[in-house]
C-alpha atoms as a PDB file:
ATOM      1  CA  MET A   1       0.000   0.000   0.000  1.00  0.00           C
ATOM      2  CA  ASN A   2       1.193   3.460  -0.852  1.00  0.00           C
ATOM      3  CA  PRO A   3       1.711   5.359   2.451  1.00  0.00           C
ATOM      4  CA  SER A   4       0.866   8.638   0.724  1.00  0.00           C
ATOM      5  CA  ALA A   5      -2.645   7.266   0.117  1.00  0.00           C
ATOM      6  CA  LEU A   6      -3.339   7.352   3.853  1.00  0.00           C
ATOM      7  CA  ARG A   7      -5.358  10.200   5.307  1.00  0.00           C
ATOM      8  CA  SER A   8      -5.775  11.164   8.943  1.00  0.00           C
ATOM      9  CA  ARG A   9      -7.602  13.537  11.256  1.00  0.00           C
ATOM     10  CA  SER A  10      -6.733  14.382  14.853  1.00  0.00           C
ATOM     11  CA  VAL A  11      -9.068  14.947  17.783  1.00  0.00           C
ATOM     12  CA  GLU A  12      -7.805  16.353  21.081  1.00  0.00           C
ATOM     13  CA  ALA A  13      -9.445  14.972  24.224  1.00  0.00           C
ATOM     14  CA  MET A  14      -8.453  13.697  27.651  1.00  0.00           C
ATOM     15  CA  GLY A  15      -5.097  15.451  27.527  1.00  0.00           C
ATOM     16  CA  THR A  16      -3.965  13.548  24.448  1.00  0.00           C
ATOM     17  CA  VAL A  17      -4.471  13.407  20.701  1.00  0.00           C
ATOM     18  CA  PHE A  18      -6.490  10.675  19.017  1.00  0.00           C
ATOM     19  CA  VAL A  19      -5.555  10.123  15.382  1.00  0.00           C
ATOM     20  CA  PHE A  20      -8.014   8.511  12.970  1.00  0.00           C
ATOM     21  CA  THR A  21      -6.196   7.111   9.927  1.00  0.00           C
ATOM     22  CA  TRP A  22      -7.788   5.569   6.848  1.00  0.00           C
ATOM     23  CA  ARG A  23      -7.281   4.735   3.187  1.00  0.00           C
ATOM     24  CA  PRO A  24      -9.593   6.664   0.849  1.00  0.00           C
ATOM     25  CA  PRO A  25     -11.356   3.513  -0.462  1.00  0.00           C
ATOM     26  CA  ASP A  26     -12.548   2.775   3.088  1.00  0.00           C
ATOM     27  CA  LEU A  27     -15.286   5.403   2.690  1.00  0.00           C
ATOM     28  CA  PRO A  28     -16.985   6.557  -0.505  1.00  0.00           C
ATOM     29  CA  ALA A  29     -16.300  10.287  -0.147  1.00  0.00           C
ATOM     30  CA  GLU A  30     -14.259  12.671   1.979  1.00  0.00           C
ATOM     31  CA  GLY A  31     -17.459  14.285   3.299  1.00  0.00           C
ATOM     32  CA  SER A  32     -18.596  10.886   4.504  1.00  0.00           C
ATOM     33  CA  LEU A  33     -15.456  10.531   6.584  1.00  0.00           C
ATOM     34  CA  GLU A  34     -15.894  13.930   8.183  1.00  0.00           C
ATOM     35  CA  GLU A  35     -19.480  12.998   8.993  1.00  0.00           C
ATOM     36  CA  ALA A  36     -18.337   9.676  10.456  1.00  0.00           C
ATOM     37  CA  LEU A  37     -15.815  11.397  12.737  1.00  0.00           C
ATOM     38  CA  VAL A  38     -18.380  13.791  14.236  1.00  0.00           C
ATOM     39  CA  PRO A  39     -19.950  11.195  16.585  1.00  0.00           C
ATOM     40  CA  ALA A  40     -16.528   9.741  17.437  1.00  0.00           C
ATOM     41  CA  ALA A  41     -15.187  13.174  18.409  1.00  0.00           C
ATOM     42  CA  ALA A  42     -18.383  13.924  20.343  1.00  0.00           C
ATOM     43  CA  TRP A  43     -18.081  10.646  22.264  1.00  0.00           C
ATOM     44  CA  LEU A  44     -14.463  11.383  23.178  1.00  0.00           C
ATOM     45  CA  ALA A  45     -15.460  14.869  24.376  1.00  0.00           C
ATOM     46  CA  HIS A  46     -18.296  13.374  26.456  1.00  0.00           C
ATOM     47  CA  VAL A  47     -16.008  10.802  28.080  1.00  0.00           C
ATOM     48  CA  ASP A  48     -13.505  13.559  28.822  1.00  0.00           C
ATOM     49  CA  GLN A  49     -16.225  15.716  30.375  1.00  0.00           C
ATOM     50  CA  VAL A  50     -17.540  12.917  32.616  1.00  0.00           C
ATOM     51  CA  PHE A  51     -14.307  11.171  33.632  1.00  0.00           C
ATOM     52  CA  SER A  52     -11.828  14.053  33.740  1.00  0.00           C
ATOM     53  CA  THR A  53      -9.729  14.102  36.874  1.00  0.00           C
ATOM     54  CA  TRP A  54      -8.301  17.494  35.851  1.00  0.00           C
ATOM     55  CA  SER A  55     -11.591  19.364  35.669  1.00  0.00           C
ATOM     56  CA  PRO A  56     -12.786  20.153  39.198  1.00  0.00           C
ATOM     57  CA  GLU A  57     -16.445  20.194  38.083  1.00  0.00           C
ATOM     58  CA  SER A  58     -16.458  16.846  36.254  1.00  0.00           C
ATOM     59  CA  PRO A  59     -18.633  14.130  37.780  1.00  0.00           C
ATOM     60  CA  MET A  60     -15.534  11.979  38.379  1.00  0.00           C
ATOM     61  CA  SER A  61     -13.783  14.778  40.273  1.00  0.00           C
ATOM     62  CA  ARG A  62     -16.915  15.269  42.351  1.00  0.00           C
ATOM     63  CA  VAL A  63     -16.985  11.516  43.130  1.00  0.00           C
ATOM     64  CA  ARG A  64     -13.318  11.622  44.141  1.00  0.00           C
ATOM     65  CA  ARG A  65     -14.004  14.514  46.537  1.00  0.00           C
ATOM     66  CA  GLY A  66     -17.017  12.720  48.019  1.00  0.00           C
ATOM     67  CA  GLU A  67     -19.498  15.297  46.733  1.00  0.00           C
ATOM     68  CA  LEU A  68     -21.272  12.826  44.466  1.00  0.00           C
ATOM     69  CA  ALA A  69     -21.987   9.166  45.065  1.00  0.00           C
ATOM     70  CA  GLU A  70     -20.616   6.773  42.430  1.00  0.00           C
ATOM     71  CA  SER A  71     -24.120   5.384  42.008  1.00  0.00           C
ATOM     72  CA  ALA A  72     -25.487   8.868  41.203  1.00  0.00           C
ATOM     73  CA  HIS A  73     -23.842   8.816  37.764  1.00  0.00           C
ATOM     74  CA  PRO A  74     -24.692   5.694  35.729  1.00  0.00           C
ATOM     75  CA  GLU A  75     -21.596   5.811  33.501  1.00  0.00           C
ATOM     76  CA  ILE A  76     -19.215   6.155  36.437  1.00  0.00           C
ATOM     77  CA  ALA A  77     -21.045   3.417  38.335  1.00  0.00           C
ATOM     78  CA  ALA A  78     -20.784   1.096  35.319  1.00  0.00           C
ATOM     79  CA  VAL A  79     -17.059   1.714  34.805  1.00  0.00           C
ATOM     80  CA  LEU A  80     -16.155   1.425  38.492  1.00  0.00           C
ATOM     81  CA  GLY A  81     -18.351  -1.654  38.758  1.00  0.00           C
ATOM     82  CA  ARG A  82     -16.212  -3.434  36.210  1.00  0.00           C
END
C-alpha cells in the first residue's frame, strides 16, 4: 500500500491526541469521513467531560471529593463496577 494514500484527522481529548487514519477507499467520499468522525469526536469529548480528573467540576472529580456518590452517575457506576 502506498503510504501517501493514507489520510488522517486528529481529535484532542483527555489530555492527548487521538488520530483517525484511513485509506480513501474505506469510505466513498471525503465528506462521509468527516461525517463519520463527528460522533466519534463527540463521544471522546463526552467521556472527557464525565471522567476528567483534571476538571474540578467533572462528575468523576466530584466523586473523588465525596461530593457525588458513584451510584449517582450511571456511567461512572458502570465503569467502576467493572
